[in-house]
Amino acid sequence: MFGGQKIPLARPRVRTRTGKEVELDSYRRLQQDGRLQRAGAERVVCGLSTRKYRRAVESVLDGYGIRKSSVSRYFVRATAKQLQELCERRLEGLELVALLIDGIEFAGQTLVVALGVEEDGTKYVLGLWQGATENATVCKALLEDLVARGLDPERRYLVVIDGSKALRAAVEKVFGERAQGQRCQLHKRRNVQDHLPELCRADYDRQLRNAYALSSYADAQAALERIWRQLVEVNPSAARSLEEGMAETLTLHRLGVSPLLRRSLSSTNLIESCLSTVRHVARNVKRWRAGGHIARWTAAGLLEAEKKFRKVKGYRELKELNRILNPELHSQAQVA
């Protein structure tokens, strides 16, 4: 392998006096060039299927190792390495303020993914964990893995979730009361709409949207309670849906976060955008196999999404949010 492709080479043979072949270190190094694997993985992630790889590449170069089976092997090796690197990332040096957790499903398997937001607004993919469903055991295993890789369990984080009871239970088991849970406001609005007749969905969604847009915690809470009283008369099931976890949808209001940053962290949009890239990357997969097949593709998609990450809107307010969450750490820093 040379220059990211296979080339024909007259292989020199060296033997001992007894006739045993001697392995040449120079030839072994040529066989282990990783650029071909990386190039193949990059093209497949960008949407080129393994079946069409040879036809696409042959028009550019006359090389070997571009058959479907070869490209598949290269992609497996490259993505297996990406998965390993992602799952072994050390987290001690990250000044994380917020954690976003959500799941993605392929072929009946669920992968729970964690995304972190640092104090300067930078986003990082922290890890993933595979399971049959998005249950508390899988979520807890993911969080414990993050702690084992350097996430400080004694700090207070803003944890943004979609309202899953399994996620909430896992967060409580690992972080206890130190985690400030923020329920996704978009999911709450959708859940309420699902219980309402078609004719009144738009009206109540507008009311909920306006309530969450209020700056004051007291005003937003009063507005939601007023909507709840109306829903009791219209549809008790919708009222119960709104009431369940309603206080956690206003966590950012209670902490006094600015409207711009609140817009970024009041929903799971940041991580759902990341997961949509995973679905786009894996769109050419027609048949999922057992083992690490799903995890490898998910890791490749997550790292592809990470390349395009931008700082969250309102990131200048994250330092103040971190001070609110961890006042003792900032007081210690000032004393020092």
C-alpha atoms as a PDB file:
ATOM      1  CA  MET A   1       0.000   0.000   0.000  1.00  0.00           C
ATOM      2  CA  PHE A   2       1.377   3.384  -1.013  1.00  0.00           C
ATOM      3  CA  GLY A   3      -0.236   6.798  -1.145  1.00  0.00           C
ATOM      4  CA  GLY A   4      -3.578   5.465   0.065  1.00  0.00           C
ATOM      5  CA  GLN A   5      -3.958   2.718  -2.563  1.00  0.00           C
ATOM      6  CA  LYS A   6      -2.610  -0.685  -3.461  1.00  0.00           C
ATOM      7  CA  ILE A   7       0.083  -0.814  -6.145  1.00  0.00           C
ATOM      8  CA  PRO A   8       1.745  -3.815  -7.845  1.00  0.00           C
ATOM      9  CA  LEU A   9       5.161  -4.580  -6.378  1.00  0.00           C
ATOM     10  CA  ALA A  10       7.663  -7.336  -7.059  1.00  0.00           C
ATOM     11  CA  ARG A  11       7.921  -8.831  -3.613  1.00  0.00           C
ATOM     12  CA  PRO A  12      11.507  -9.721  -2.663  1.00  0.00           C
ATOM     13  CA  ARG A  13      12.003 -13.111  -1.044  1.00  0.00           C
ATOM     14  CA  VAL A  14      14.686 -13.724   1.559  1.00  0.00           C
ATOM     15  CA  ARG A  15      15.325 -17.177   2.963  1.00  0.00           C
ATOM     16  CA  THR A  16      17.696 -18.670   5.506  1.00  0.00           C
ATOM     17  CA  ARG A  17      20.169 -21.383   4.594  1.00  0.00           C
ATOM     18  CA  THR A  18      17.642 -23.930   5.805  1.00  0.00           C
ATOM     19  CA  GLY A  19      15.008 -22.579   3.405  1.00  0.00           C
ATOM     20  CA  LYS A  20      12.802 -20.751   5.931  1.00  0.00           C
ATOM     21  CA  GLU A  21      11.411 -17.468   4.609  1.00  0.00           C
ATOM     22  CA  VAL A  22      12.366 -14.335   6.529  1.00  0.00           C
ATOM     23  CA  GLU A  23       9.761 -11.629   7.028  1.00  0.00           C
ATOM     24  CA  LEU A  24      10.929  -8.254   5.753  1.00  0.00           C
ATOM     25  CA  ASP A  25      10.129  -5.343   8.039  1.00  0.00           C
ATOM     26  CA  SER A  26       9.964  -2.918   5.081  1.00  0.00           C
ATOM     27  CA  TYR A  27       7.324  -5.027   3.318  1.00  0.00           C
ATOM     28  CA  ARG A  28       5.317  -5.449   6.522  1.00  0.00           C
ATOM     29  CA  ARG A  29       5.241  -1.673   6.990  1.00  0.00           C
ATOM     30  CA  LEU A  30       3.937  -1.182   3.454  1.00  0.00           C
ATOM     31  CA  GLN A  31       1.085  -3.592   4.176  1.00  0.00           C
ATOM     32  CA  GLN A  32       0.044  -1.653   7.270  1.00  0.00           C
ATOM     33  CA  ASP A  33      -0.450   1.766   5.693  1.00  0.00           C
ATOM     34  CA  GLY A  34      -3.726   3.026   7.206  1.00  0.00           C
ATOM     35  CA  ARG A  35      -4.479   5.707   4.638  1.00  0.00           C
ATOM     36  CA  LEU A  36      -6.339   3.309   2.384  1.00  0.00           C
ATOM     37  CA  GLN A  37      -8.629   2.277   5.231  1.00  0.00           C
ATOM     38  CA  ARG A  38      -9.190   5.874   6.255  1.00  0.00           C
ATOM     39  CA  ALA A  39      -9.901   6.955   2.677  1.00  0.00           C
ATOM     40  CA  GLY A  40     -12.372   4.120   2.195  1.00  0.00           C
ATOM     41  CA  ALA A  41     -14.142   4.853   5.470  1.00  0.00           C
ATOM     42  CA  GLU A  42     -14.342   8.563   4.660  1.00  0.00           C
ATOM     43  CA  ARG A  43     -16.031   7.923   1.300  1.00  0.00           C
ATOM     44  CA  VAL A  44     -18.498   5.404   2.742  1.00  0.00           C
ATOM     45  CA  VAL A  45     -19.445   7.791   5.562  1.00  0.00           C
ATOM     46  CA  CYS A  46     -20.053  10.498   2.963  1.00  0.00           C
ATOM     47  CA  GLY A  47     -22.609   8.258   1.256  1.00  0.00           C
ATOM     48  CA  LEU A  48     -20.705   6.183  -1.309  1.00  0.00           C
ATOM     49  CA  SER A  49     -21.909   2.592  -0.993  1.00  0.00           C
ATOM     50  CA  THR A  50     -19.437  -0.289  -1.083  1.00  0.00           C
ATOM     51  CA  ARG A  51     -21.169  -1.641  -4.212  1.00  0.00           C
ATOM     52  CA  LYS A  52     -20.533   1.583  -6.145  1.00  0.00           C
ATOM     53  CA  TYR A  53     -17.087   2.291  -4.685  1.00  0.00           C
ATOM     54  CA  ARG A  54     -15.091   0.618  -7.456  1.00  0.00           C
ATOM     55  CA  ARG A  55     -17.006   2.345 -10.268  1.00  0.00           C
ATOM     56  CA  ALA A  56     -16.547   5.740  -8.596  1.00  0.00           C
ATOM     57  CA  VAL A  57     -12.849   5.346  -7.862  1.00  0.00           C
ATOM     58  CA  GLU A  58     -11.746   3.648 -11.080  1.00  0.00           C
ATOM     59  CA  SER A  59     -12.522   6.812 -13.021  1.00  0.00           C
ATOM     60  CA  VAL A  60      -9.861   8.604 -10.972  1.00  0.00           C
ATOM     61  CA  LEU A  61      -7.101   6.041 -10.482  1.00  0.00           C
ATOM     62  CA  ASP A  62      -6.012   2.621 -11.610  1.00  0.00           C
ATOM     63  CA  GLY A  63      -5.521   0.838  -8.296  1.00  0.00           C
ATOM     64  CA  TYR A  64      -6.181  -2.374  -6.477  1.00  0.00           C
ATOM     65  CA  GLY A  65      -8.192  -3.055  -3.343  1.00  0.00           C
ATOM     66  CA  ILE A  66     -11.317  -1.221  -4.459  1.00  0.00           C
ATOM     67  CA  ARG A  67     -13.685  -4.166  -4.762  1.00  0.00           C
ATOM     68  CA  LYS A  68     -16.786  -4.268  -2.569  1.00  0.00           C
ATOM     69  CA  SER A  69     -15.336  -6.910  -0.241  1.00  0.00           C
ATOM     70  CA  SER A  70     -12.044  -5.016   0.147  1.00  0.00           C
ATOM     71  CA  VAL A  71     -13.777  -1.717   0.909  1.00  0.00           C
ATOM     72  CA  SER A  72     -16.023  -3.464   3.445  1.00  0.00           C
ATOM     73  CA  ARG A  73     -12.992  -4.875   5.240  1.00  0.00           C
ATOM     74  CA  TYR A  74     -11.303  -1.458   5.256  1.00  0.00           C
ATOM     75  CA  PHE A  75     -14.435   0.182   6.595  1.00  0.00           C
ATOM     76  CA  VAL A  76     -14.793  -2.411   9.361  1.00  0.00           C
ATOM     77  CA  ARG A  77     -11.200  -1.841  10.487  1.00  0.00           C
ATOM     78  CA  ALA A  78     -11.446   1.943  10.332  1.00  0.00           C
ATOM     79  CA  THR A  79     -14.785   2.182  12.145  1.00  0.00           C
ATOM     80  CA  ALA A  80     -13.729  -0.378  14.757  1.00  0.00           C
ATOM     81  CA  LYS A  81     -10.804   1.893  15.563  1.00  0.00           C
ATOM     82  CA  GLN A  82     -13.096   4.930  15.667  1.00  0.00           C
ATOM     83  CA  LEU A  83     -15.464   3.130  18.043  1.00  0.00           C
ATOM     84  CA  GLN A  84     -12.602   2.146  20.326  1.00  0.00           C
ATOM     85  CA  GLU A  85     -11.202   5.685  20.396  1.00  0.00           C
ATOM     86  CA  LEU A  86     -14.639   7.147  21.123  1.00  0.00           C
ATOM     87  CA  CYS A  87     -15.327   4.696  23.944  1.00  0.00           C
ATOM     88  CA  GLU A  88     -11.903   5.307  25.497  1.00  0.00           C
ATOM     89  CA  ARG A  89     -11.873   9.105  25.400  1.00  0.00           C
ATOM     90  CA  ARG A  90     -10.669  10.622  28.635  1.00  0.00           C
ATOM     91  CA  LEU A  91     -12.938  13.311  30.084  1.00  0.00           C
ATOM     92  CA  GLU A  92     -10.897  14.769  32.956  1.00  0.00           C
ATOM     93  CA  GLY A  93      -9.841  17.880  31.067  1.00  0.00           C
ATOM     94  CA  LEU A  94     -13.342  18.927  29.992  1.00  0.00           C
ATOM     95  CA  GLU A  95     -15.077  21.734  31.895  1.00  0.00           C
ATOM     96  CA  LEU A  96     -18.554  20.391  31.206  1.00  0.00           C
ATOM     97  CA  VAL A  97     -21.663  22.327  32.181  1.00  0.00           C
ATOM     98  CA  ALA A  98     -24.443  20.391  30.452  1.00  0.00           C
ATOM     99  CA  LEU A  99     -25.054  16.777  29.450  1.00  0.00           C
ATOM    100  CA  LEU A 100     -27.597  15.782  26.806  1.00  0.00           C
ATOM    101  CA  ILE A 101     -28.673  12.140  26.626  1.00  0.00           C
ATOM    102  CA  ASP A 102     -30.830  10.475  23.980  1.00  0.00           C
ATOM    103  CA  GLY A 103     -31.165   7.183  22.143  1.00  0.00           C
ATOM    104  CA  ILE A 104     -31.170   6.024  18.541  1.00  0.00           C
ATOM    105  CA  GLU A 105     -32.584   2.712  17.303  1.00  0.00           C
ATOM    106  CA  PHE A 106     -31.430   0.411  14.526  1.00  0.00           C
ATOM    107  CA  ALA A 107     -32.825  -3.077  13.875  1.00  0.00           C
ATOM    108  CA  GLY A 108     -34.411  -3.388  17.297  1.00  0.00           C
ATOM    109  CA  GLN A 109     -31.221  -2.305  19.080  1.00  0.00           C
ATOM    110  CA  THR A 110     -31.000   1.000  20.950  1.00  0.00           C
ATOM    111  CA  LEU A 111     -27.813   2.980  21.408  1.00  0.00           C
ATOM    112  CA  VAL A 112     -27.879   5.589  24.157  1.00  0.00           C
ATOM    113  CA  VAL A 113     -25.618   8.546  23.345  1.00  0.00           C
ATOM    114  CA  ALA A 114     -24.261  11.276  25.611  1.00  0.00           C
ATOM    115  CA  LEU A 115     -23.287  14.736  24.389  1.00  0.00           C
ATOM    116  CA  GLY A 116     -21.433  17.260  26.545  1.00  0.00           C
ATOM    117  CA  VAL A 117     -21.357  21.064  26.394  1.00  0.00           C
ATOM    118  CA  GLU A 118     -18.252  22.714  27.812  1.00  0.00           C
ATOM    119  CA  GLU A 119     -18.097  26.091  29.531  1.00  0.00           C
ATOM    120  CA  ASP A 120     -16.809  27.773  26.352  1.00  0.00           C
ATOM    121  CA  GLY A 121     -19.755  26.427  24.319  1.00  0.00           C
ATOM    122  CA  THR A 122     -17.864  23.597  22.619  1.00  0.00           C
ATOM    123  CA  LYS A 123     -19.780  20.339  22.140  1.00  0.00           C
ATOM    124  CA  TYR A 124     -18.270  16.867  22.502  1.00  0.00           C
ATOM    125  CA  VAL A 125     -19.588  13.363  21.890  1.00  0.00           C
ATOM    126  CA  LEU A 126     -18.855  11.706  25.240  1.00  0.00           C
ATOM    127  CA  GLY A 127     -19.827   8.101  24.575  1.00  0.00           C
ATOM    128  CA  LEU A 128     -22.444   5.544  23.633  1.00  0.00           C
ATOM    129  CA  TRP A 129     -23.828   2.314  25.066  1.00  0.00           C
ATOM    130  CA  GLN A 130     -25.747  -0.411  23.263  1.00  0.00           C
ATOM    131  CA  GLY A 131     -28.776  -2.282  24.561  1.00  0.00           C
ATOM    132  CA  ALA A 132     -32.047  -3.861  23.499  1.00  0.00           C
ATOM    133  CA  THR A 133     -34.088  -0.877  24.719  1.00  0.00           C
ATOM    134  CA  GLU A 134     -33.560   2.533  26.284  1.00  0.00           C
ATOM    135  CA  ASN A 135     -33.903   1.097  29.798  1.00  0.00           C
ATOM    136  CA  ALA A 136     -32.496   2.315  33.091  1.00  0.00           C
ATOM    137  CA  THR A 137     -29.779  -0.363  33.165  1.00  0.00           C
ATOM    138  CA  VAL A 138     -28.321   0.678  29.803  1.00  0.00           C
ATOM    139  CA  CYS A 139     -28.492   4.380  30.650  1.00  0.00           C
ATOM    140  CA  LYS A 140     -26.885   3.787  34.032  1.00  0.00           C
ATOM    141  CA  ALA A 141     -24.101   1.764  32.405  1.00  0.00           C
ATOM    142  CA  LEU A 142     -23.386   4.655  30.022  1.00  0.00           C
ATOM    143  CA  LEU A 143     -23.208   7.218  32.826  1.00  0.00           C
ATOM    144  CA  GLU A 144     -21.014   4.964  34.963  1.00  0.00           C
ATOM    145  CA  ASP A 145     -18.703   4.512  31.980  1.00  0.00           C
ATOM    146  CA  LEU A 146     -18.425   8.311  31.635  1.00  0.00           C
ATOM    147  CA  VAL A 147     -17.528   8.568  35.327  1.00  0.00           C
ATOM    148  CA  ALA A 148     -14.922   5.809  34.926  1.00  0.00           C
ATOM    149  CA  ARG A 149     -13.350   7.787  32.067  1.00  0.00           C
ATOM    150  CA  GLY A 150     -12.995  10.958  34.111  1.00  0.00           C
ATOM    151  CA  LEU A 151     -16.389  12.665  34.421  1.00  0.00           C
ATOM    152  CA  ASP A 152     -16.560  14.181  37.917  1.00  0.00           C
ATOM    153  CA  PRO A 153     -19.666  12.779  39.686  1.00  0.00           C
ATOM    154  CA  GLU A 154     -19.370  15.375  42.475  1.00  0.00           C
ATOM    155  CA  ARG A 155     -20.005  18.318  40.188  1.00  0.00           C
ATOM    156  CA  ARG A 156     -23.488  19.558  39.379  1.00  0.00           C
ATOM    157  CA  TYR A 157     -24.520  19.326  35.730  1.00  0.00           C
ATOM    158  CA  LEU A 158     -27.543  20.416  33.776  1.00  0.00           C
ATOM    159  CA  VAL A 159     -28.851  17.134  32.331  1.00  0.00           C
ATOM    160  CA  VAL A 160     -31.182  17.570  29.353  1.00  0.00           C
ATOM    161  CA  ILE A 161     -33.379  14.555  28.527  1.00  0.00           C
ATOM    162  CA  ASP A 162     -36.515  13.899  26.502  1.00  0.00           C
ATOM    163  CA  GLY A 163     -38.662  12.845  29.447  1.00  0.00           C
ATOM    164  CA  SER A 164     -37.794   9.148  29.430  1.00  0.00           C
ATOM    165  CA  LYS A 165     -38.336   7.669  32.894  1.00  0.00           C
ATOM    166  CA  ALA A 166     -35.446   5.265  32.317  1.00  0.00           C
ATOM    167  CA  LEU A 167     -33.058   8.145  31.636  1.00  0.00           C
ATOM    168  CA  ARG A 168     -34.279  10.060  34.668  1.00  0.00           C
ATOM    169  CA  ALA A 169     -33.885   7.022  36.934  1.00  0.00           C
ATOM    170  CA  ALA A 170     -30.342   6.413  35.663  1.00  0.00           C
ATOM    171  CA  VAL A 171     -29.346  10.050  36.219  1.00  0.00           C
ATOM    172  CA  GLU A 172     -30.676   9.924  39.789  1.00  0.00           C
ATOM    173  CA  LYS A 173     -28.790   6.704  40.549  1.00  0.00           C
ATOM    174  CA  VAL A 174     -25.446   8.008  39.289  1.00  0.00           C
ATOM    175  CA  PHE A 175     -25.583  11.713  40.213  1.00  0.00           C
ATOM    176  CA  GLY A 176     -28.295  11.790  42.873  1.00  0.00           C
ATOM    177  CA  GLU A 177     -29.756  15.202  43.638  1.00  0.00           C
ATOM    178  CA  ARG A 178     -26.692  16.950  42.228  1.00  0.00           C
ATOM    179  CA  ALA A 179     -28.026  16.702  38.670  1.00  0.00           C
ATOM    180  CA  GLN A 180     -30.354  19.497  37.562  1.00  0.00           C
ATOM    181  CA  GLY A 181     -32.752  17.814  35.152  1.00  0.00           C
ATOM    182  CA  GLN A 182     -34.192  19.800  32.264  1.00  0.00           C
ATOM    183  CA  ARG A 183     -37.039  18.054  30.456  1.00  0.00           C
ATOM    184  CA  CYS A 184     -37.291  18.778  26.751  1.00  0.00           C
ATOM    185  CA  GLN A 185     -39.998  21.367  26.187  1.00  0.00           C
ATOM    186  CA  LEU A 186     -40.570  20.272  22.591  1.00  0.00           C
ATOM    187  CA  HIS A 187     -41.274  16.702  23.672  1.00  0.00           C
ATOM    188  CA  LYS A 188     -43.668  17.980  26.320  1.00  0.00           C
ATOM    189  CA  ARG A 189     -45.568  20.017  23.746  1.00  0.00           C
ATOM    190  CA  ARG A 190     -45.761  17.041  21.375  1.00  0.00           C
ATOM    191  CA  ASN A 191     -46.961  14.723  24.134  1.00  0.00           C
ATOM    192  CA  VAL A 192     -49.773  17.110  25.039  1.00  0.00           C
ATOM    193  CA  GLN A 193     -50.769  17.502  21.382  1.00  0.00           C
ATOM    194  CA  ASP A 194     -51.002  13.739  20.930  1.00  0.00           C
ATOM    195  CA  HIS A 195     -53.839  13.646  23.483  1.00  0.00           C
ATOM    196  CA  LEU A 196     -55.858  16.457  21.897  1.00  0.00           C
ATOM    197  CA  PRO A 197     -58.297  16.539  18.983  1.00  0.00           C
ATOM    198  CA  GLU A 198     -56.901  17.861  15.713  1.00  0.00           C
ATOM    199  CA  LEU A 199     -58.965  21.067  15.860  1.00  0.00           C
ATOM    200  CA  CYS A 200     -57.490  22.416  19.102  1.00  0.00           C
ATOM    201  CA  ARG A 201     -53.889  21.180  18.833  1.00  0.00           C
ATOM    202  CA  ALA A 202     -52.502  24.322  17.208  1.00  0.00           C
ATOM    203  CA  ASP A 203     -54.149  26.625  19.755  1.00  0.00           C
ATOM    204  CA  TYR A 204     -52.832  24.801  22.809  1.00  0.00           C
ATOM    205  CA  ASP A 205     -49.392  24.371  21.255  1.00  0.00           C
ATOM    206  CA  ARG A 206     -49.262  28.142  20.728  1.00  0.00           C
ATOM    207  CA  GLN A 207     -50.208  28.698  24.378  1.00  0.00           C
ATOM    208  CA  LEU A 208     -47.513  26.306  25.579  1.00  0.00           C
ATOM    209  CA  ARG A 209     -44.927  27.895  23.320  1.00  0.00           C
ATOM    210  CA  ASN A 210     -45.781  31.351  24.633  1.00  0.00           C
ATOM    211  CA  ALA A 211     -45.648  30.120  28.234  1.00  0.00           C
ATOM    212  CA  TYR A 212     -42.168  28.680  27.800  1.00  0.00           C
ATOM    213  CA  ALA A 213     -41.041  31.896  26.084  1.00  0.00           C
ATOM    214  CA  LEU A 214     -41.722  33.955  29.225  1.00  0.00           C
ATOM    215  CA  SER A 215     -38.562  35.096  30.993  1.00  0.00           C
ATOM    216  CA  SER A 216     -39.775  34.918  34.579  1.00  0.00           C
ATOM    217  CA  TYR A 217     -40.004  31.533  36.288  1.00  0.00           C
ATOM    218  CA  ALA A 218     -43.096  32.607  38.240  1.00  0.00           C
ATOM    219  CA  ASP A 219     -44.849  33.894  35.103  1.00  0.00           C
ATOM    220  CA  ALA A 220     -44.034  30.741  33.109  1.00  0.00           C
ATOM    221  CA  GLN A 221     -45.230  28.489  35.934  1.00  0.00           C
ATOM    222  CA  ALA A 222     -48.466  30.448  36.305  1.00  0.00           C
ATOM    223  CA  ALA A 223     -49.084  30.288  32.554  1.00  0.00           C
ATOM    224  CA  LEU A 224     -48.576  26.502  32.485  1.00  0.00           C
ATOM    225  CA  GLU A 225     -50.886  26.020  35.453  1.00  0.00           C
ATOM    226  CA  ARG A 226     -53.539  28.107  33.690  1.00  0.00           C
ATOM    227  CA  ILE A 227     -53.235  25.903  30.594  1.00  0.00           C
ATOM    228  CA  TRP A 228     -53.437  22.815  32.801  1.00  0.00           C
ATOM    229  CA  ARG A 229     -56.734  23.990  34.307  1.00  0.00           C
ATOM    230  CA  GLN A 230     -58.138  24.499  30.818  1.00  0.00           C
ATOM    231  CA  LEU A 231     -57.016  21.042  29.732  1.00  0.00           C
ATOM    232  CA  VAL A 232     -58.704  19.422  32.711  1.00  0.00           C
ATOM    233  CA  GLU A 233     -62.017  20.500  31.184  1.00  0.00           C
ATOM    234  CA  VAL A 234     -61.063  19.677  27.589  1.00  0.00           C
ATOM    235  CA  ASN A 235     -59.126  16.418  27.977  1.00  0.00           C
ATOM    236  CA  PRO A 236     -58.005  15.072  31.389  1.00  0.00           C
ATOM    237  CA  SER A 237     -55.388  12.834  29.737  1.00  0.00           C
ATOM    238  CA  ALA A 238     -53.749  15.842  28.092  1.00  0.00           C
ATOM    239  CA  ALA A 239     -53.826  17.631  31.456  1.00  0.00           C
ATOM    240  CA  ARG A 240     -52.075  14.709  33.147  1.00  0.00           C
ATOM    241  CA  SER A 241     -49.485  14.631  30.373  1.00  0.00           C
ATOM    242  CA  LEU A 242     -48.729  18.315  30.935  1.00  0.00           C
ATOM    243  CA  GLU A 243     -48.655  17.946  34.708  1.00  0.00           C
ATOM    244  CA  GLU A 244     -46.207  15.017  34.670  1.00  0.00           C
ATOM    245  CA  GLY A 245     -42.712  16.471  35.021  1.00  0.00           C
ATOM    246  CA  MET A 246     -43.945  20.011  34.361  1.00  0.00           C
ATOM    247  CA  ALA A 247     -41.610  21.516  36.960  1.00  0.00           C
ATOM    248  CA  GLU A 248     -38.553  20.000  35.245  1.00  0.00           C
ATOM    249  CA  THR A 249     -39.442  21.683  31.963  1.00  0.00           C
ATOM    250  CA  LEU A 250     -38.839  25.003  33.790  1.00  0.00           C
ATOM    251  CA  THR A 251     -35.442  24.179  35.336  1.00  0.00           C
ATOM    252  CA  LEU A 252     -33.620  26.742  33.195  1.00  0.00           C
ATOM    253  CA  HIS A 253     -36.235  29.366  34.115  1.00  0.00           C
ATOM    254  CA  ARG A 254     -35.704  28.556  37.805  1.00  0.00           C
ATOM    255  CA  LEU A 255     -31.924  28.892  37.428  1.00  0.00           C
ATOM    256  CA  GLY A 256     -32.328  32.317  35.817  1.00  0.00           C
ATOM    257  CA  VAL A 257     -30.728  31.385  32.478  1.00  0.00           C
ATOM    258  CA  SER A 258     -30.899  33.985  29.713  1.00  0.00           C
ATOM    259  CA  PRO A 259     -33.464  33.477  26.906  1.00  0.00           C
ATOM    260  CA  LEU A 260     -30.771  32.898  24.227  1.00  0.00           C
ATOM    261  CA  LEU A 261     -28.999  30.094  26.110  1.00  0.00           C
ATOM    262  CA  ARG A 262     -32.340  28.754  27.310  1.00  0.00           C
ATOM    263  CA  ARG A 263     -33.380  28.305  23.713  1.00  0.00           C
ATOM    264  CA  SER A 264     -30.337  26.073  23.130  1.00  0.00           C
ATOM    265  CA  LEU A 265     -30.666  23.928  26.262  1.00  0.00           C
ATOM    266  CA  SER A 266     -34.428  23.719  26.811  1.00  0.00           C
ATOM    267  CA  SER A 267     -34.777  20.881  24.308  1.00  0.00           C
ATOM    268  CA  THR A 268     -32.804  17.896  23.042  1.00  0.00           C
ATOM    269  CA  ASN A 269     -32.350  19.491  19.610  1.00  0.00           C
ATOM    270  CA  LEU A 270     -28.551  19.619  19.983  1.00  0.00           C
ATOM    271  CA  ILE A 271     -28.208  15.862  20.338  1.00  0.00           C
ATOM    272  CA  GLU A 272     -31.085  15.036  17.974  1.00  0.00           C
ATOM    273  CA  SER A 273     -29.299  16.983  15.255  1.00  0.00           C
ATOM    274  CA  CYS A 274     -26.248  14.851  15.954  1.00  0.00           C
ATOM    275  CA  LEU A 275     -28.282  11.645  15.746  1.00  0.00           C
ATOM    276  CA  SER A 276     -29.867  12.749  12.467  1.00  0.00           C
ATOM    277  CA  THR A 277     -26.349  12.788  10.999  1.00  0.00           C
ATOM    278  CA  VAL A 278     -25.923   9.192  12.193  1.00  0.00           C
ATOM    279  CA  ARG A 279     -29.108   8.196  10.358  1.00  0.00           C
ATOM    280  CA  HIS A 280     -27.907   9.970   7.225  1.00  0.00           C
ATOM    281  CA  VAL A 281     -24.513   8.232   7.351  1.00  0.00           C
ATOM    282  CA  ALA A 282     -26.141   4.804   7.833  1.00  0.00           C
ATOM    283  CA  ARG A 283     -28.800   5.290   5.154  1.00  0.00           C
ATOM    284  CA  ASN A 284     -27.122   2.844   2.733  1.00  0.00           C
ATOM    285  CA  VAL A 285     -27.080  -0.059   5.202  1.00  0.00           C
ATOM    286  CA  LYS A 286     -29.665  -2.565   3.999  1.00  0.00           C
ATOM    287  CA  ARG A 287     -29.081  -5.373   6.496  1.00  0.00           C
ATOM    288  CA  TRP A 288     -27.824  -4.989  10.038  1.00  0.00           C
ATOM    289  CA  ARG A 289     -25.696  -7.755  11.480  1.00  0.00           C
ATOM    290  CA  ALA A 290     -24.994  -8.837  15.027  1.00  0.00           C
ATOM    291  CA  GLY A 291     -22.018  -7.844  17.125  1.00  0.00           C
ATOM    292  CA  GLY A 292     -20.559  -4.380  16.840  1.00  0.00           C
ATOM    293  CA  HIS A 293     -22.010  -3.599  13.403  1.00  0.00           C
ATOM    294  CA  ILE A 294     -24.538  -1.066  14.697  1.00  0.00           C
ATOM    295  CA  ALA A 295     -22.131   0.455  17.217  1.00  0.00           C
ATOM    296  CA  ARG A 296     -19.426   0.941  14.564  1.00  0.00           C
ATOM    297  CA  TRP A 297     -21.756   2.750  12.175  1.00  0.00           C
ATOM    298  CA  THR A 298     -23.131   4.882  14.997  1.00  0.00           C
ATOM    299  CA  ALA A 299     -19.638   5.865  16.108  1.00  0.00           C
ATOM    300  CA  ALA A 300     -18.721   6.773  12.521  1.00  0.00           C
ATOM    301  CA  GLY A 301     -21.833   8.955  12.250  1.00  0.00           C
ATOM    302  CA  LEU A 302     -21.244  10.631  15.604  1.00  0.00           C
ATOM    303  CA  LEU A 303     -17.653  11.507  14.722  1.00  0.00           C
ATOM    304  CA  GLU A 304     -18.797  12.799  11.336  1.00  0.00           C
ATOM    305  CA  ALA A 305     -21.326  15.036  13.103  1.00  0.00           C
ATOM    306  CA  GLU A 306     -18.656  16.201  15.544  1.00  0.00           C
ATOM    307  CA  LYS A 307     -16.593  17.592  12.667  1.00  0.00           C
ATOM    308  CA  LYS A 308     -19.383  20.113  11.987  1.00  0.00           C
ATOM    309  CA  PHE A 309     -20.095  21.103  15.582  1.00  0.00           C
ATOM    310  CA  ARG A 310     -20.395  24.809  16.361  1.00  0.00           C
ATOM    311  CA  LYS A 311     -20.611  26.540  19.691  1.00  0.00           C
ATOM    312  CA  VAL A 312     -24.088  26.649  21.171  1.00  0.00           C
ATOM    313  CA  LYS A 313     -26.031  29.877  20.889  1.00  0.00           C
ATOM    314  CA  GLY A 314     -25.689  31.928  24.056  1.00  0.00           C
ATOM    315  CA  TYR A 315     -22.439  30.187  25.025  1.00  0.00           C
ATOM    316  CA  ARG A 316     -21.157  33.323  26.765  1.00  0.00           C
ATOM    317  CA  GLU A 317     -23.755  32.674  29.496  1.00  0.00           C
ATOM    318  CA  LEU A 318     -22.464  29.136  30.187  1.00  0.00           C
ATOM    319  CA  LYS A 319     -19.819  30.379  32.596  1.00  0.00           C
ATOM    320  CA  GLU A 320     -22.515  32.035  34.706  1.00  0.00           C
ATOM    321  CA  LEU A 321     -24.637  28.872  34.559  1.00  0.00           C
ATOM    322  CA  ASN A 322     -21.648  26.853  35.758  1.00  0.00           C
ATOM    323  CA  ARG A 323     -21.200  29.289  38.647  1.00  0.00           C
ATOM    324  CA  ILE A 324     -24.868  28.884  39.593  1.00  0.00           C
ATOM    325  CA  LEU A 325     -24.607  25.097  39.477  1.00  0.00           C
ATOM    326  CA  ASN A 326     -21.260  24.883  41.315  1.00  0.00           C
ATOM    327  CA  PRO A 327     -20.922  27.986  43.525  1.00  0.00           C
ATOM    328  CA  GLU A 328     -18.482  26.260  45.892  1.00  0.00           C
ATOM    329  CA  LEU A 329     -15.961  25.617  43.115  1.00  0.00           C
ATOM    330  CA  HIS A 330     -15.936  29.245  42.056  1.00  0.00           C
ATOM    331  CA  SER A 331     -15.608  30.474  45.628  1.00  0.00           C
ATOM    332  CA  GLN A 332     -12.611  28.177  46.111  1.00  0.00           C
ATOM    333  CA  ALA A 333     -11.048  29.503  42.914  1.00  0.00           C
ATOM    334  CA  GLN A 334     -11.464  33.104  44.118  1.00  0.00           C
ATOM    335  CA  VAL A 335      -9.842  32.275  47.483  1.00  0.00           C
ATOM    336  CA  ALA A 336      -6.935  30.568  45.761  1.00  0.00           C
END
